[in-house]
């Protein structure tokens, strides 16, 4: 289910495969593969590919990265746990020592419209990723919710102002994943946010 779209890059035709958290052959055509990263809920504690409430998986992050790196597709790691970030970035640098594909690092770091899930703590996440190479893209979003057949609120001015302050001094390229169903009622706010930087 394509619930989110990324607003930044000049290519509106980027095709994402999302939620590829298991041992599968990555089908084409696609440009980017997105999967969720958490820490395994039992020993051995290590980064795995799973989406809460799952706490285990049939594939570790290391195994997943080894599979992805031979596909020539870009990858987007969606972090659902702050605990998983440092060991995952160590693996990323090790397995993709000579990256030949785009790499995006994603986390929901603020509460957004209808968001009930707890976001990752912004400064802790940004501190953890600050040492990444400059070509890696930070995908920084909001937790959101959406209810069918009702009027759902969009991203308000306070939400985008807080995000702008957080991103103002970042050195990496930044993209903002948003819930597509909320885009129409949030266009002035999101347009303003994108205009604040050429990154």
C-alpha atoms as a PDB file:
ATOM      1  CA  UNK A   1       0.000   0.000   0.000  1.00  0.00           C
ATOM      2  CA  UNK A   2       1.536   3.246  -1.095  1.00  0.00           C
ATOM      3  CA  UNK A   3       0.665   5.464   1.849  1.00  0.00           C
ATOM      4  CA  UNK A   4       3.615   7.819   1.630  1.00  0.00           C
ATOM      5  CA  UNK A   5       5.314   9.811  -1.061  1.00  0.00           C
ATOM      6  CA  UNK A   6       8.664  11.529  -0.855  1.00  0.00           C
ATOM      7  CA  UNK A   7       8.870  15.221  -1.734  1.00  0.00           C
ATOM      8  CA  UNK A   8      12.243  16.464  -2.844  1.00  0.00           C
ATOM      9  CA  UNK A   9      13.918  15.062  -5.894  1.00  0.00           C
ATOM     10  CA  UNK A  10      13.390  16.073  -9.491  1.00  0.00           C
ATOM     11  CA  UNK A  11      12.319  12.601 -10.611  1.00  0.00           C
ATOM     12  CA  UNK A  12       8.608  12.118  -9.849  1.00  0.00           C
ATOM     13  CA  UNK A  13       8.750   8.665 -11.427  1.00  0.00           C
ATOM     14  CA  UNK A  14      10.837   6.994  -8.732  1.00  0.00           C
ATOM     15  CA  UNK A  15       9.316   3.579  -8.051  1.00  0.00           C
ATOM     16  CA  UNK A  16       9.612   2.268  -4.502  1.00  0.00           C
ATOM     17  CA  UNK A  17       9.135  -1.305  -3.344  1.00  0.00           C
ATOM     18  CA  UNK A  18       8.100  -0.944   0.286  1.00  0.00           C
ATOM     19  CA  UNK A  19       7.895  -3.298   3.285  1.00  0.00           C
ATOM     20  CA  UNK A  20      10.393  -5.797   1.811  1.00  0.00           C
ATOM     21  CA  UNK A  21      11.250  -7.194   5.226  1.00  0.00           C
ATOM     22  CA  UNK A  22      11.785 -10.857   4.366  1.00  0.00           C
ATOM     23  CA  UNK A  23      13.705 -13.269   2.139  1.00  0.00           C
ATOM     24  CA  UNK A  24      12.262 -12.542  -1.264  1.00  0.00           C
ATOM     25  CA  UNK A  25      13.551 -11.923  -4.747  1.00  0.00           C
ATOM     26  CA  UNK A  26      13.287  -8.185  -5.337  1.00  0.00           C
ATOM     27  CA  UNK A  27      11.030  -7.825  -8.375  1.00  0.00           C
ATOM     28  CA  UNK A  28      11.397  -5.089 -10.977  1.00  0.00           C
ATOM     29  CA  UNK A  29      10.838  -2.580 -12.309  1.00  0.00           C
ATOM     30  CA  UNK A  30      11.805  -0.434  -9.351  1.00  0.00           C
ATOM     31  CA  UNK A  31      14.468   2.074  -8.434  1.00  0.00           C
ATOM     32  CA  UNK A  32      14.446   1.882  -4.634  1.00  0.00           C
ATOM     33  CA  UNK A  33      13.772  -0.855  -2.076  1.00  0.00           C
ATOM     34  CA  UNK A  34      12.413   0.211   1.305  1.00  0.00           C
ATOM     35  CA  UNK A  35      12.384  -1.950   4.416  1.00  0.00           C
ATOM     36  CA  UNK A  36      11.947  -1.500   8.165  1.00  0.00           C
ATOM     37  CA  UNK A  37      14.688  -1.991  10.757  1.00  0.00           C
ATOM     38  CA  UNK A  38      14.272  -2.871  14.443  1.00  0.00           C
ATOM     39  CA  UNK A  39      16.356  -4.693  17.032  1.00  0.00           C
ATOM     40  CA  UNK A  40      15.515  -8.375  17.477  1.00  0.00           C
ATOM     41  CA  UNK A  41      13.347  -8.858  20.546  1.00  0.00           C
ATOM     42  CA  UNK A  42      15.377 -11.842  21.791  1.00  0.00           C
ATOM     43  CA  UNK A  43      18.979 -13.011  21.783  1.00  0.00           C
ATOM     44  CA  UNK A  44      21.024 -12.654  19.714  1.00  0.00           C
ATOM     45  CA  UNK A  45      20.189  -8.946  19.761  1.00  0.00           C
ATOM     46  CA  UNK A  46      20.925  -7.576  16.294  1.00  0.00           C
ATOM     47  CA  UNK A  47      19.251  -5.395  13.667  1.00  0.00           C
ATOM     48  CA  UNK A  48      16.575  -7.284  11.741  1.00  0.00           C
ATOM     49  CA  UNK A  49      14.066  -6.484   9.024  1.00  0.00           C
ATOM     50  CA  UNK A  50      10.625  -6.209  10.641  1.00  0.00           C
ATOM     51  CA  UNK A  51       7.830  -3.732  11.320  1.00  0.00           C
ATOM     52  CA  UNK A  52       6.322  -3.363  14.807  1.00  0.00           C
ATOM     53  CA  UNK A  53       4.515  -5.085  16.423  1.00  0.00           C
ATOM     54  CA  UNK A  54       6.708  -7.888  15.003  1.00  0.00           C
ATOM     55  CA  UNK A  55       9.837  -8.474  17.080  1.00  0.00           C
ATOM     56  CA  UNK A  56      11.534 -11.177  15.006  1.00  0.00           C
ATOM     57  CA  UNK A  57      12.266 -11.878  11.362  1.00  0.00           C
ATOM     58  CA  UNK A  58      13.667 -14.505   9.027  1.00  0.00           C
ATOM     59  CA  UNK A  59      16.336 -12.079   7.814  1.00  0.00           C
ATOM     60  CA  UNK A  60      18.890  -9.873   9.529  1.00  0.00           C
ATOM     61  CA  UNK A  61      19.898  -6.455   8.272  1.00  0.00           C
ATOM     62  CA  UNK A  62      23.312  -7.821   7.277  1.00  0.00           C
ATOM     63  CA  UNK A  63      21.716 -10.527   5.121  1.00  0.00           C
ATOM     64  CA  UNK A  64      19.279  -8.040   3.597  1.00  0.00           C
ATOM     65  CA  UNK A  65      22.057  -5.593   2.699  1.00  0.00           C
ATOM     66  CA  UNK A  66      24.048  -8.389   1.059  1.00  0.00           C
ATOM     67  CA  UNK A  67      21.000  -9.225  -1.086  1.00  0.00           C
ATOM     68  CA  UNK A  68      20.256  -5.626  -2.022  1.00  0.00           C
ATOM     69  CA  UNK A  69      23.787  -4.660  -2.972  1.00  0.00           C
ATOM     70  CA  UNK A  70      23.809  -6.996  -5.994  1.00  0.00           C
ATOM     71  CA  UNK A  71      20.545  -5.560  -7.389  1.00  0.00           C
ATOM     72  CA  UNK A  72      21.887  -2.094  -8.308  1.00  0.00           C
ATOM     73  CA  UNK A  73      18.759  -0.629  -6.713  1.00  0.00           C
ATOM     74  CA  UNK A  74      18.760   2.164  -4.187  1.00  0.00           C
ATOM     75  CA  UNK A  75      17.821   1.349  -0.622  1.00  0.00           C
ATOM     76  CA  UNK A  76      15.800   3.110   2.039  1.00  0.00           C
ATOM     77  CA  UNK A  77      16.115   1.927   5.631  1.00  0.00           C
ATOM     78  CA  UNK A  78      13.118   2.931   7.752  1.00  0.00           C
ATOM     79  CA  UNK A  79      14.125   2.904  11.407  1.00  0.00           C
ATOM     80  CA  UNK A  80      11.387   2.010  13.883  1.00  0.00           C
ATOM     81  CA  UNK A  81      13.750   1.814  16.851  1.00  0.00           C
ATOM     82  CA  UNK A  82      16.449   4.223  18.014  1.00  0.00           C
ATOM     83  CA  UNK A  83      18.290   1.272  19.555  1.00  0.00           C
ATOM     84  CA  UNK A  84      18.737  -0.215  16.077  1.00  0.00           C
ATOM     85  CA  UNK A  85      20.369   2.856  14.526  1.00  0.00           C
ATOM     86  CA  UNK A  86      24.042   2.690  15.686  1.00  0.00           C
ATOM     87  CA  UNK A  87      24.631  -1.027  14.970  1.00  0.00           C
ATOM     88  CA  UNK A  88      22.766  -0.712  11.666  1.00  0.00           C
ATOM     89  CA  UNK A  89      24.941   2.167  10.491  1.00  0.00           C
ATOM     90  CA  UNK A  90      28.046   0.161  11.377  1.00  0.00           C
ATOM     91  CA  UNK A  91      26.746  -2.683   9.203  1.00  0.00           C
ATOM     92  CA  UNK A  92      25.855  -0.273   6.420  1.00  0.00           C
ATOM     93  CA  UNK A  93      29.399   1.098   6.291  1.00  0.00           C
ATOM     94  CA  UNK A  94      30.836  -2.428   6.405  1.00  0.00           C
ATOM     95  CA  UNK A  95      28.645  -4.118   3.793  1.00  0.00           C
ATOM     96  CA  UNK A  96      28.418  -1.113   1.475  1.00  0.00           C
ATOM     97  CA  UNK A  97      31.998   0.076   1.908  1.00  0.00           C
ATOM     98  CA  UNK A  98      32.006   1.204  -1.731  1.00  0.00           C
ATOM     99  CA  UNK A  99      28.371   2.203  -2.305  1.00  0.00           C
ATOM    100  CA  UNK A 100      27.185   2.077  -5.892  1.00  0.00           C
ATOM    101  CA  UNK A 101      23.541   2.914  -5.166  1.00  0.00           C
ATOM    102  CA  UNK A 102      21.545   5.694  -3.489  1.00  0.00           C
ATOM    103  CA  UNK A 103      21.058   5.236   0.266  1.00  0.00           C
ATOM    104  CA  UNK A 104      18.254   6.916   2.208  1.00  0.00           C
ATOM    105  CA  UNK A 105      17.952   6.747   6.004  1.00  0.00           C
ATOM    106  CA  UNK A 106      14.382   7.273   7.201  1.00  0.00           C
ATOM    107  CA  UNK A 107      12.777   7.904  10.582  1.00  0.00           C
ATOM    108  CA  UNK A 108       9.631   9.569  11.860  1.00  0.00           C
ATOM    109  CA  UNK A 109      11.071  12.113  14.294  1.00  0.00           C
ATOM    110  CA  UNK A 110       8.013  14.300  14.993  1.00  0.00           C
ATOM    111  CA  UNK A 111       4.343  13.767  15.769  1.00  0.00           C
ATOM    112  CA  UNK A 112       2.152  14.620  12.783  1.00  0.00           C
ATOM    113  CA  UNK A 113      -1.560  14.769  11.972  1.00  0.00           C
ATOM    114  CA  UNK A 114      -3.403  11.930  13.666  1.00  0.00           C
ATOM    115  CA  UNK A 115      -0.123  10.328  14.713  1.00  0.00           C
ATOM    116  CA  UNK A 116      -0.424   7.957  17.659  1.00  0.00           C
ATOM    117  CA  UNK A 117       2.880   6.110  17.324  1.00  0.00           C
ATOM    118  CA  UNK A 118       5.773   7.546  19.309  1.00  0.00           C
ATOM    119  CA  UNK A 119       8.367   9.214  17.055  1.00  0.00           C
ATOM    120  CA  UNK A 120      12.088   8.664  17.474  1.00  0.00           C
ATOM    121  CA  UNK A 121      13.759  11.366  19.552  1.00  0.00           C
ATOM    122  CA  UNK A 122      14.967  13.872  16.924  1.00  0.00           C
ATOM    123  CA  UNK A 123      18.307  14.943  18.359  1.00  0.00           C
ATOM    124  CA  UNK A 124      19.318  11.406  19.347  1.00  0.00           C
ATOM    125  CA  UNK A 125      18.560  10.148  15.836  1.00  0.00           C
ATOM    126  CA  UNK A 126      20.325  13.026  14.096  1.00  0.00           C
ATOM    127  CA  UNK A 127      23.344  12.668  16.359  1.00  0.00           C
ATOM    128  CA  UNK A 128      23.557   8.975  15.455  1.00  0.00           C
ATOM    129  CA  UNK A 129      23.485   9.653  11.698  1.00  0.00           C
ATOM    130  CA  UNK A 130      25.650  12.792  11.700  1.00  0.00           C
ATOM    131  CA  UNK A 131      28.821  10.885  10.795  1.00  0.00           C
ATOM    132  CA  UNK A 132      27.392   9.322   7.642  1.00  0.00           C
ATOM    133  CA  UNK A 133      28.925  10.246   4.271  1.00  0.00           C
ATOM    134  CA  UNK A 134      27.474  13.404   2.769  1.00  0.00           C
ATOM    135  CA  UNK A 135      25.822  11.658  -0.189  1.00  0.00           C
ATOM    136  CA  UNK A 136      23.435   9.719   2.067  1.00  0.00           C
ATOM    137  CA  UNK A 137      19.938  11.204   2.142  1.00  0.00           C
ATOM    138  CA  UNK A 138      18.070  11.731   5.407  1.00  0.00           C
ATOM    139  CA  UNK A 139      14.349  11.068   5.066  1.00  0.00           C
ATOM    140  CA  UNK A 140      12.736  12.789   8.054  1.00  0.00           C
ATOM    141  CA  UNK A 141       9.043  12.443   8.686  1.00  0.00           C
ATOM    142  CA  UNK A 142       6.135  12.657  11.069  1.00  0.00           C
ATOM    143  CA  UNK A 143       4.053   9.912  12.635  1.00  0.00           C
ATOM    144  CA  UNK A 144       0.583  10.149  11.095  1.00  0.00           C
ATOM    145  CA  UNK A 145      -2.854   8.575  11.165  1.00  0.00           C
ATOM    146  CA  UNK A 146      -5.722   8.504   8.718  1.00  0.00           C
ATOM    147  CA  UNK A 147      -9.361   7.453   9.009  1.00  0.00           C
ATOM    148  CA  UNK A 148     -11.469   6.627   5.960  1.00  0.00           C
ATOM    149  CA  UNK A 149     -14.706   8.531   5.306  1.00  0.00           C
ATOM    150  CA  UNK A 150     -13.822  11.343   7.711  1.00  0.00           C
ATOM    151  CA  UNK A 151     -12.203  14.750   7.374  1.00  0.00           C
ATOM    152  CA  UNK A 152      -8.582  14.208   8.344  1.00  0.00           C
ATOM    153  CA  UNK A 153      -6.425  17.154   9.434  1.00  0.00           C
ATOM    154  CA  UNK A 154      -3.323  17.925   7.404  1.00  0.00           C
ATOM    155  CA  UNK A 155       0.174  18.998   8.382  1.00  0.00           C
ATOM    156  CA  UNK A 156      -0.178  22.297  10.227  1.00  0.00           C
ATOM    157  CA  UNK A 157       2.172  25.283  10.311  1.00  0.00           C
ATOM    158  CA  UNK A 158       3.666  24.379  13.672  1.00  0.00           C
ATOM    159  CA  UNK A 159       4.615  20.920  12.377  1.00  0.00           C
ATOM    160  CA  UNK A 160       6.508  22.269   9.379  1.00  0.00           C
ATOM    161  CA  UNK A 161       8.115  25.103  11.371  1.00  0.00           C
ATOM    162  CA  UNK A 162       9.500  22.630  13.912  1.00  0.00           C
ATOM    163  CA  UNK A 163      10.803  20.402  11.114  1.00  0.00           C
ATOM    164  CA  UNK A 164      12.479  23.367   9.412  1.00  0.00           C
ATOM    165  CA  UNK A 165      14.262  24.331  12.634  1.00  0.00           C
ATOM    166  CA  UNK A 166      15.499  20.763  13.076  1.00  0.00           C
ATOM    167  CA  UNK A 167      16.789  20.532   9.496  1.00  0.00           C
ATOM    168  CA  UNK A 168      18.232  24.037   9.202  1.00  0.00           C
ATOM    169  CA  UNK A 169      21.841  23.142  10.045  1.00  0.00           C
ATOM    170  CA  UNK A 170      21.989  19.626   8.627  1.00  0.00           C
ATOM    171  CA  UNK A 171      24.697  18.908   6.056  1.00  0.00           C
ATOM    172  CA  UNK A 172      23.020  15.951   4.336  1.00  0.00           C
ATOM    173  CA  UNK A 173      20.367  16.149   1.620  1.00  0.00           C
ATOM    174  CA  UNK A 174      16.919  15.885   3.218  1.00  0.00           C
ATOM    175  CA  UNK A 175      13.600  14.582   1.951  1.00  0.00           C
ATOM    176  CA  UNK A 176      10.256  14.579   3.731  1.00  0.00           C
ATOM    177  CA  UNK A 177       8.026  11.498   3.540  1.00  0.00           C
ATOM    178  CA  UNK A 178       4.380  12.519   3.869  1.00  0.00           C
ATOM    179  CA  UNK A 179       1.094  10.666   3.875  1.00  0.00           C
ATOM    180  CA  UNK A 180      -0.265  11.145   0.359  1.00  0.00           C
ATOM    181  CA  UNK A 181      -3.887  11.299   1.550  1.00  0.00           C
ATOM    182  CA  UNK A 182      -3.042  14.442   3.554  1.00  0.00           C
ATOM    183  CA  UNK A 183      -1.140  16.258   0.819  1.00  0.00           C
ATOM    184  CA  UNK A 184      -3.998  18.323  -0.650  1.00  0.00           C
ATOM    185  CA  UNK A 185      -4.968  19.970   2.647  1.00  0.00           C
ATOM    186  CA  UNK A 186      -1.300  20.582   3.521  1.00  0.00           C
ATOM    187  CA  UNK A 187       0.051  21.966   0.268  1.00  0.00           C
ATOM    188  CA  UNK A 188       0.834  25.540   1.459  1.00  0.00           C
ATOM    189  CA  UNK A 189       2.686  24.245   4.524  1.00  0.00           C
ATOM    190  CA  UNK A 190       4.711  21.592   2.687  1.00  0.00           C
ATOM    191  CA  UNK A 191       5.475  23.926  -0.197  1.00  0.00           C
ATOM    192  CA  UNK A 192       6.835  26.477   2.285  1.00  0.00           C
ATOM    193  CA  UNK A 193       8.977  23.797   3.938  1.00  0.00           C
ATOM    194  CA  UNK A 194      10.562  22.762   0.646  1.00  0.00           C
ATOM    195  CA  UNK A 195      11.339  26.375  -0.220  1.00  0.00           C
ATOM    196  CA  UNK A 196      13.466  26.861   2.900  1.00  0.00           C
ATOM    197  CA  UNK A 197      16.486  25.016   1.491  1.00  0.00           C
ATOM    198  CA  UNK A 198      17.958  23.866  -1.808  1.00  0.00           C
ATOM    199  CA  UNK A 199      19.078  20.583  -0.276  1.00  0.00           C
END
